[in-house]
Amino acid sequence: MTSDKVMMMSNNCHGWAARDDSGLLSPYEFERRSVGGNDVSVKITHCGVCYADVAYTRNKRKNTVYPVVPRHEIVGIIQELGDEVSKFKIGDHVGVGPFVDSCRECVHCDVGHEEHCSKATVTINGTCKDGTLSKGGYSSFIVVHDRIFSKFCCDLSLKAFVVSYLALNKYHPAKWSIPDKYPLALAAPLLCAGVTVYNPMIHHKINQPGKSLGVVGLGGLGHMAVKFGKAFGLNVTVFSISISKKDDALNMLKADKFVLSSDKEQMAALAHSLDFIVDAASGDHSFNLYMSLLKPEGVLALVGVPSEKIELSPLSLLMGARTISGSAVGGTKRTQEMIEFCAKHEIYPKIEVIPIQYANKALDRLEKGDVKYRFVIDIENSLE
């Protein structure tokens, strides 16, 4: 190490990649870009796994460029800083989500909602400003731009593509009480699954105690929606096509009610009873049915991807002035708010920690819905 500011590292990166649409992952060596003035290099300790990894490795969306290194739920330890980075230090614990850069100038970037930036660089298979393809967290380290919004300095201190879990205590301990005890393995799913459901709940002001929340689909996203709902003081009902989810919903996650969505009587009994629904289901299902469960002016937020097209009767919206909205991940501002909230209320994802060598099996199991409720790869101790 040359100083606390700069620790020069090799650009050679170890990872696992898929080479074709079979999706088979295997060891892969590649070069990360050098650390620029505003960059942060992060040694990856853990990386979450979600359906996006299946989609990218197996070319489900027909746009994968191979070889592809998956994942964007990345946590680790800073190992190198650019000369112009001032809010981090080597050794800080940090996380990287779905984006590694954006235009930094548009109206969305100005308010910390880079997820809406048309020029945002996604962490997997995105086109970086130098023309190279971005590569994700199934790898030993990652280099990310550290973008700081000066207009947030008085209130929120730091808004960057690298989200700090521990360094924030140093700069604004009164506002950012992020305890050192929050484990990095558990923090990984917050960067995608967590913020994906938290973002629309805050946007639609469903964080008001006493309101009623429906959660459709109890998977990686759905189980986080239940956890947030209970922490907000909401009355939470879980909807699932599988009766096997009932015990987890009621006993592990402490939901107030479980409903088998194929039971017409149970569903009819809940008509016009919910203020808000988080729809995290991946399989095709009836949107009209769930819209009928909303109170007047209720909102259904779609965060899952059930199919390329959905069918919805106009009357589902017109009768009762109901709304259906979409939401994907979240920007730097909302992500940091969520991390603070999780730390304060001791909200932890339910995870299964695996070695990188189990990644192919994990993706097979994930596609079958066989995980409770998020795989997290122990990169530090299994990637050679």
Protein backbone atom coordinates (compact mmCIF):
# COMPACT_ATOMS: atom_id res chain seq x y z
CA MET A 1 0.00 0.00 0.00
CA THR A 2 1.43 3.37 -0.97
CA SER A 3 -0.92 5.40 1.31
CA ASP A 4 -4.38 5.31 2.86
CA LYS A 5 -5.55 7.04 -0.31
CA VAL A 6 -4.10 4.83 -3.02
CA MET A 7 -3.39 1.12 -3.12
CA MET A 8 -2.35 0.15 -6.64
CA MET A 9 -3.89 -3.14 -7.75
CA SER A 10 -3.58 -5.36 -10.79
CA ASN A 11 -6.32 -5.02 -13.44
CA ASN A 12 -6.53 -8.80 -13.81
CA CYS A 13 -9.85 -10.06 -12.46
CA HIS A 14 -10.94 -13.61 -11.65
CA GLY A 15 -14.57 -14.44 -12.28
CA TRP A 16 -17.14 -16.90 -13.54
CA ALA A 17 -18.86 -16.34 -16.88
CA ALA A 18 -21.27 -17.94 -19.33
CA ARG A 19 -19.99 -18.26 -22.91
CA ASP A 20 -23.23 -19.13 -24.72
CA ASP A 21 -26.98 -19.44 -24.18
CA SER A 22 -26.61 -22.78 -22.39
CA GLY A 23 -25.88 -20.47 -19.48
CA LEU A 24 -23.19 -22.76 -18.12
CA LEU A 25 -20.87 -20.79 -15.85
CA SER A 26 -17.17 -21.56 -15.52
CA PRO A 27 -13.95 -19.78 -14.45
CA TYR A 28 -13.06 -16.74 -16.54
CA GLU A 29 -10.16 -14.28 -16.51
CA PHE A 30 -10.60 -10.72 -17.75
CA GLU A 31 -9.28 -7.19 -17.32
CA ARG A 32 -11.08 -4.52 -15.31
CA ARG A 33 -10.43 -0.92 -16.31
CA SER A 34 -7.87 1.06 -14.35
CA VAL A 35 -9.07 3.19 -11.45
CA GLY A 36 -9.66 6.78 -12.57
CA GLY A 37 -9.78 9.91 -10.48
CA ASN A 38 -13.39 9.43 -9.38
CA ASP A 39 -13.35 5.64 -9.23
CA VAL A 40 -13.50 3.14 -6.40
CA SER A 41 -12.19 -0.42 -6.66
CA VAL A 42 -14.06 -2.88 -4.46
CA LYS A 43 -12.83 -6.31 -3.42
CA ILE A 44 -16.02 -8.39 -3.60
CA THR A 45 -16.80 -10.51 -0.55
CA HIS A 46 -20.39 -11.55 -1.36
CA CYS A 47 -22.78 -11.40 -4.28
CA GLY A 48 -26.51 -12.08 -4.35
CA VAL A 49 -28.21 -14.21 -7.00
CA CYS A 50 -31.53 -13.47 -8.70
CA TYR A 51 -33.53 -14.26 -11.82
CA ALA A 52 -31.67 -11.59 -13.79
CA ASP A 53 -28.67 -13.92 -13.66
CA VAL A 54 -30.74 -16.66 -15.33
CA ALA A 55 -32.00 -14.18 -17.92
CA TYR A 56 -28.56 -12.87 -18.81
CA THR A 57 -26.63 -16.15 -18.79
CA ARG A 58 -29.31 -18.05 -20.74
CA ASN A 59 -30.14 -15.16 -23.09
CA LYS A 60 -33.81 -15.07 -22.09
CA ARG A 61 -34.11 -11.48 -23.33
CA LYS A 62 -32.24 -12.18 -26.59
CA ASN A 63 -29.71 -9.39 -26.00
CA THR A 64 -26.85 -11.03 -24.07
CA VAL A 65 -23.33 -10.44 -25.34
CA TYR A 66 -21.01 -13.29 -24.37
CA PRO A 67 -18.99 -13.94 -22.34
CA VAL A 68 -21.22 -12.52 -19.61
CA VAL A 69 -20.32 -12.19 -15.91
CA PRO A 70 -23.60 -11.94 -13.97
CA ARG A 71 -24.98 -10.11 -10.93
CA HIS A 72 -25.57 -6.74 -9.40
CA GLU A 73 -26.09 -7.40 -5.67
CA ILE A 74 -22.46 -6.80 -4.77
CA VAL A 75 -20.84 -6.07 -1.41
CA GLY A 76 -17.23 -5.88 -0.42
CA ILE A 77 -14.31 -3.85 0.84
CA ILE A 78 -12.66 -0.84 -0.82
CA GLN A 79 -9.16 -1.70 -1.97
CA GLU A 80 -8.26 1.28 -4.16
CA LEU A 81 -9.41 4.90 -4.53
CA GLY A 82 -9.04 7.47 -7.28
CA ASP A 83 -7.23 10.71 -6.47
CA GLU A 84 -10.46 12.74 -6.42
CA VAL A 85 -12.44 10.47 -4.07
CA SER A 86 -12.80 12.06 -0.64
CA LYS A 87 -15.73 10.40 1.15
CA PHE A 88 -14.37 6.86 1.31
CA LYS A 89 -11.22 5.23 2.60
CA ILE A 90 -9.51 1.94 1.91
CA GLY A 91 -11.10 -0.75 4.06
CA ASP A 92 -14.65 0.67 4.08
CA HIS A 93 -17.48 -1.81 3.57
CA VAL A 94 -19.56 -0.88 0.53
CA GLY A 95 -22.18 -2.16 -1.89
CA VAL A 96 -22.76 -1.88 -5.64
CA GLY A 97 -26.24 -2.25 -7.12
CA PRO A 98 -27.75 -2.46 -10.61
CA PHE A 99 -25.89 0.60 -12.00
CA VAL A 100 -22.21 1.49 -12.16
CA ASP A 101 -22.63 4.85 -13.88
CA SER A 102 -25.14 7.25 -15.45
CA CYS A 103 -25.10 10.52 -17.36
CA ARG A 104 -24.91 12.38 -13.98
CA GLU A 105 -26.60 15.42 -15.55
CA CYS A 106 -30.27 14.68 -16.28
CA VAL A 107 -33.26 15.52 -14.10
CA HIS A 108 -33.34 11.96 -12.76
CA CYS A 109 -29.67 11.89 -11.81
CA ASP A 110 -30.03 15.29 -10.13
CA VAL A 111 -32.44 13.85 -7.56
CA GLY A 112 -30.78 10.48 -7.00
CA HIS A 113 -33.11 8.41 -9.20
CA GLU A 114 -30.56 7.14 -11.69
CA GLU A 115 -32.69 4.08 -12.36
CA HIS A 116 -34.69 6.33 -14.73
CA CYS A 117 -31.63 7.77 -16.52
CA SER A 118 -31.72 6.79 -20.18
CA LYS A 119 -27.90 6.67 -20.25
CA ALA A 120 -27.36 4.66 -17.06
CA THR A 121 -24.78 1.88 -17.32
CA VAL A 122 -26.16 -1.34 -15.88
CA THR A 123 -23.79 -3.53 -13.91
CA ILE A 124 -24.28 -6.59 -16.14
CA ASN A 125 -23.79 -6.51 -19.93
CA GLY A 126 -24.07 -2.73 -20.12
CA THR A 127 -22.03 -0.45 -22.37
CA CYS A 128 -19.51 1.61 -20.43
CA LYS A 129 -18.40 5.07 -21.53
CA ASP A 130 -15.20 3.62 -22.98
CA GLY A 131 -17.21 1.21 -25.14
CA THR A 132 -16.43 -1.92 -23.13
CA LEU A 133 -19.08 -4.22 -21.65
CA SER A 134 -19.74 -4.08 -17.92
CA LYS A 135 -19.20 -7.28 -15.98
CA GLY A 136 -20.93 -8.12 -12.73
CA GLY A 137 -20.27 -9.49 -9.28
CA TYR A 138 -19.39 -13.13 -9.95
CA SER A 139 -15.83 -11.85 -9.80
CA SER A 140 -13.00 -10.91 -7.44
CA PHE A 141 -13.37 -7.12 -7.67
CA ILE A 142 -15.21 -4.33 -9.48
CA VAL A 143 -14.37 -0.71 -10.43
CA VAL A 144 -17.20 1.81 -10.05
CA HIS A 145 -17.54 5.57 -10.54
CA ASP A 146 -17.99 7.43 -7.26
CA ARG A 147 -20.46 10.17 -8.15
CA ILE A 148 -21.20 12.79 -5.47
CA PHE A 149 -24.20 15.15 -5.53
CA SER A 150 -23.04 18.41 -3.98
CA LYS A 151 -26.65 19.57 -3.48
CA PHE A 152 -27.20 16.73 -0.95
CA CYS A 153 -24.15 17.47 1.16
CA CYS A 154 -26.05 19.22 3.96
CA ASP A 155 -28.73 16.54 4.34
CA LEU A 156 -27.64 13.22 2.98
CA SER A 157 -23.88 13.58 2.69
CA LEU A 158 -23.15 11.03 -0.02
CA LYS A 159 -24.98 9.87 -3.11
CA ALA A 160 -22.77 7.49 -5.07
CA PHE A 161 -22.97 4.36 -7.17
CA VAL A 162 -20.96 2.79 -4.38
CA VAL A 163 -23.26 2.77 -1.35
CA SER A 164 -21.36 2.95 1.94
CA TYR A 165 -22.56 0.93 4.93
CA LEU A 166 -19.94 1.99 7.45
CA ALA A 167 -18.22 5.14 6.24
CA LEU A 168 -21.46 7.12 6.60
CA ASN A 169 -21.17 6.91 10.38
CA LYS A 170 -17.99 8.94 10.24
CA TYR A 171 -19.47 11.85 8.30
CA HIS A 172 -23.02 12.12 9.63
CA PRO A 173 -23.34 9.87 12.71
CA ALA A 174 -26.60 11.48 13.80
CA LYS A 175 -28.36 10.76 10.53
CA TRP A 176 -26.63 7.63 9.29
CA SER A 177 -26.59 5.18 12.20
CA ILE A 178 -25.43 2.13 10.25
CA PRO A 179 -24.09 -0.40 12.79
CA ASP A 180 -20.89 -2.26 12.02
CA LYS A 181 -22.64 -5.50 12.95
CA TYR A 182 -24.79 -5.58 9.77
CA PRO A 183 -23.26 -8.61 7.97
CA LEU A 184 -22.12 -8.09 4.39
CA ALA A 185 -23.64 -11.41 3.28
CA LEU A 186 -27.05 -10.22 4.44
CA ALA A 187 -26.53 -6.76 2.95
CA ALA A 188 -26.07 -8.10 -0.59
CA PRO A 189 -29.77 -8.75 -1.42
CA LEU A 190 -30.71 -5.25 -0.28
CA LEU A 191 -29.01 -3.78 -3.36
CA CYS A 192 -31.67 -5.25 -5.68
CA ALA A 193 -34.40 -7.29 -3.97
CA GLY A 194 -34.61 -4.89 -1.04
CA VAL A 195 -34.70 -1.58 -2.85
CA THR A 196 -36.96 -2.93 -5.62
CA VAL A 197 -39.86 -3.34 -3.19
CA TYR A 198 -38.91 -0.52 -0.81
CA ASN A 199 -38.84 2.10 -3.58
CA PRO A 200 -42.53 1.92 -4.66
CA MET A 201 -43.70 1.58 -1.06
CA ILE A 202 -42.07 4.89 -0.18
CA HIS A 203 -43.05 6.53 -3.46
CA HIS A 204 -46.73 5.72 -2.88
CA LYS A 205 -46.51 6.59 0.84
CA ILE A 206 -47.51 3.15 2.03
CA ASN A 207 -45.19 3.46 5.05
CA GLN A 208 -48.07 4.66 7.26
CA PRO A 209 -49.01 2.42 10.21
CA GLY A 210 -52.47 0.89 10.04
CA LYS A 211 -52.70 0.67 6.26
CA SER A 212 -53.21 -2.67 4.53
CA LEU A 213 -50.68 -4.29 2.22
CA GLY A 214 -51.02 -7.28 -0.08
CA VAL A 215 -47.90 -9.11 -1.26
CA VAL A 216 -48.28 -11.30 -4.35
CA GLY A 217 -45.58 -13.94 -4.64
CA LEU A 218 -43.36 -14.96 -1.73
CA GLY A 219 -39.87 -15.12 -3.22
CA GLY A 220 -36.74 -12.99 -2.98
CA LEU A 221 -38.65 -9.73 -3.54
CA GLY A 222 -41.90 -10.73 -1.86
CA HIS A 223 -40.36 -11.77 1.44
CA MET A 224 -38.60 -8.38 1.67
CA ALA A 225 -41.92 -6.61 0.99
CA VAL A 226 -43.45 -8.48 3.94
CA LYS A 227 -40.54 -7.52 6.18
CA PHE A 228 -40.82 -3.84 5.21
CA GLY A 229 -44.60 -3.92 5.60
CA LYS A 230 -44.39 -5.25 9.15
CA ALA A 231 -41.68 -2.74 10.03
CA PHE A 232 -43.93 0.07 8.70
CA GLY A 233 -46.76 -1.15 10.96
CA LEU A 234 -48.99 -2.37 8.12
CA ASN A 235 -51.52 -5.17 8.10
CA VAL A 236 -49.90 -7.61 5.67
CA THR A 237 -51.61 -10.30 3.60
CA VAL A 238 -49.51 -12.73 1.54
CA PHE A 239 -50.95 -14.24 -1.65
CA SER A 240 -49.39 -17.35 -3.14
CA ILE A 241 -50.29 -20.20 -5.47
CA SER A 242 -48.43 -22.58 -3.15
CA ILE A 243 -49.83 -23.66 0.22
CA SER A 244 -46.26 -24.61 1.20
CA LYS A 245 -45.52 -20.89 1.65
CA LYS A 246 -48.15 -20.50 4.40
CA ASP A 247 -45.96 -21.48 7.35
CA ASP A 248 -43.13 -19.15 6.35
CA ALA A 249 -45.53 -16.28 5.66
CA LEU A 250 -47.29 -16.49 9.02
CA ASN A 251 -44.61 -17.82 11.36
CA MET A 252 -41.24 -16.76 9.99
CA LEU A 253 -42.23 -13.45 8.36
CA LYS A 254 -45.11 -12.67 10.76
CA ALA A 255 -47.61 -11.74 8.04
CA ASP A 256 -51.13 -11.16 9.37
CA LYS A 257 -52.85 -13.36 6.83
CA PHE A 258 -52.06 -15.92 4.14
CA VAL A 259 -54.37 -16.46 1.16
CA LEU A 260 -54.14 -19.22 -1.41
CA SER A 261 -54.77 -17.19 -4.54
CA SER A 262 -56.50 -20.09 -6.29
CA ASP A 263 -59.20 -20.17 -3.58
CA LYS A 264 -62.05 -18.09 -5.02
CA GLU A 265 -63.88 -17.76 -1.71
CA GLN A 266 -60.84 -16.47 0.15
CA MET A 267 -60.10 -14.00 -2.63
CA ALA A 268 -63.69 -12.77 -2.87
CA ALA A 269 -63.77 -12.18 0.89
CA LEU A 270 -60.97 -9.61 0.52
CA ALA A 271 -62.62 -7.47 -2.17
CA HIS A 272 -61.98 -3.74 -1.71
CA SER A 273 -59.88 -4.31 1.42
CA LEU A 274 -56.29 -3.38 0.53
CA ASP A 275 -54.64 0.03 0.28
CA PHE A 276 -51.62 -1.23 -1.65
CA ILE A 277 -50.36 -4.36 -3.38
CA VAL A 278 -46.77 -5.24 -4.19
CA ASP A 279 -46.93 -7.71 -7.08
CA ALA A 280 -43.68 -9.66 -7.13
CA ALA A 281 -44.99 -12.79 -8.88
CA SER A 282 -43.04 -14.07 -11.88
CA GLY A 283 -45.68 -16.40 -13.31
CA ASP A 284 -48.66 -15.29 -15.38
CA HIS A 285 -51.65 -14.33 -13.27
CA SER A 286 -54.84 -12.27 -13.35
CA PHE A 287 -54.27 -8.58 -12.75
CA ASN A 288 -57.99 -7.89 -12.78
CA LEU A 289 -58.43 -10.25 -9.84
CA TYR A 290 -55.86 -8.44 -7.72
CA MET A 291 -57.07 -4.99 -8.76
CA SER A 292 -60.49 -5.97 -7.39
CA LEU A 293 -58.95 -6.38 -3.95
CA LEU A 294 -57.91 -2.73 -3.78
CA LYS A 295 -59.86 -0.05 -1.99
CA PRO A 296 -60.92 3.02 -3.99
CA GLU A 297 -57.76 4.90 -5.03
CA GLY A 298 -55.68 1.87 -4.12
CA VAL A 299 -52.41 1.12 -5.94
CA LEU A 300 -50.89 -2.07 -7.33
CA ALA A 301 -47.14 -1.78 -7.86
CA LEU A 302 -45.72 -4.29 -10.32
CA VAL A 303 -42.13 -5.24 -9.46
CA GLY A 304 -42.03 -8.75 -10.95
CA VAL A 305 -41.91 -9.66 -14.63
CA PRO A 306 -44.74 -12.16 -15.22
CA SER A 307 -44.69 -12.11 -19.03
CA GLU A 308 -44.12 -9.82 -21.99
CA LYS A 309 -47.77 -8.73 -22.00
CA ILE A 310 -50.41 -8.35 -19.30
CA GLU A 311 -54.18 -8.26 -19.67
CA LEU A 312 -56.09 -5.65 -17.71
CA SER A 313 -59.68 -4.50 -18.04
CA PRO A 314 -60.08 -0.70 -18.16
CA LEU A 315 -62.83 -1.08 -15.58
CA SER A 316 -60.22 -2.32 -13.09
CA LEU A 317 -58.82 1.19 -13.18
CA LEU A 318 -61.95 3.26 -13.78
CA MET A 319 -64.10 1.76 -11.04
CA GLY A 320 -62.66 3.10 -7.82
CA ALA A 321 -59.98 5.27 -9.44
CA ARG A 322 -57.42 2.55 -8.87
CA THR A 323 -53.86 2.68 -10.18
CA ILE A 324 -51.37 0.15 -11.49
CA SER A 325 -47.76 1.28 -11.58
CA GLY A 326 -44.38 -0.22 -12.35
CA SER A 327 -41.14 0.04 -10.44
CA ALA A 328 -37.68 -1.39 -11.06
CA VAL A 329 -34.89 -1.21 -8.47
CA GLY A 330 -34.08 2.27 -7.12
CA GLY A 331 -31.53 5.06 -7.29
CA THR A 332 -28.73 5.99 -4.93
CA LYS A 333 -30.93 8.20 -2.73
CA ARG A 334 -33.61 5.59 -2.07
CA THR A 335 -31.05 2.81 -1.67
CA GLN A 336 -29.23 4.61 1.11
CA GLU A 337 -32.50 5.43 2.84
CA MET A 338 -33.42 1.75 2.71
CA ILE A 339 -30.08 0.62 4.14
CA GLU A 340 -30.47 3.01 7.04
CA PHE A 341 -34.01 1.73 7.63
CA CYS A 342 -32.90 -1.92 7.55
CA ALA A 343 -30.09 -1.27 9.99
CA LYS A 344 -32.33 0.65 12.39
CA HIS A 345 -35.09 -1.98 12.40
CA GLU A 346 -32.78 -5.01 12.12
CA ILE A 347 -34.35 -6.14 8.86
CA TYR A 348 -32.38 -9.00 7.35
CA PRO A 349 -33.09 -10.98 4.16
CA LYS A 350 -33.47 -14.73 4.47
CA ILE A 351 -30.48 -16.17 2.60
CA GLU A 352 -28.69 -19.37 1.66
CA VAL A 353 -24.93 -18.82 1.41
CA ILE A 354 -23.23 -20.85 -1.32
CA PRO A 355 -19.75 -21.16 -2.90
CA ILE A 356 -19.21 -19.94 -6.46
CA GLN A 357 -18.80 -23.58 -7.55
CA TYR A 358 -22.51 -24.10 -6.76
CA ALA A 359 -23.63 -21.24 -9.03
CA ASN A 360 -24.92 -23.40 -11.90
CA LYS A 361 -26.98 -25.53 -9.54
CA ALA A 362 -28.24 -22.38 -7.82
CA LEU A 363 -29.51 -20.93 -11.11
CA ASP A 364 -31.29 -24.22 -11.88
CA ARG A 365 -32.93 -24.17 -8.46
CA LEU A 366 -33.78 -20.50 -8.80
CA GLU A 367 -35.58 -21.09 -12.08
CA LYS A 368 -37.68 -23.73 -10.28
CA GLY A 369 -38.39 -21.42 -7.33
CA ASP A 370 -36.40 -23.69 -5.03
CA VAL A 371 -34.75 -21.16 -2.70
CA LYS A 372 -35.66 -19.52 0.61
CA TYR A 373 -35.32 -16.74 -0.27
CA ARG A 374 -32.06 -15.49 -1.76
CA PHE A 375 -28.84 -17.23 -2.73
CA VAL A 376 -25.72 -15.29 -1.75
CA ILE A 377 -22.34 -16.36 -3.12
CA ASP A 378 -19.40 -16.27 -0.72
CA ILE A 379 -17.00 -14.83 -3.29
CA GLU A 380 -14.18 -14.11 -0.84
CA ASN A 381 -13.84 -17.68 0.41
CA SER A 382 -14.67 -19.68 -2.72
CA LEU A 383 -13.44 -17.79 -5.79
CA GLU A 384 -9.87 -18.77 -6.55
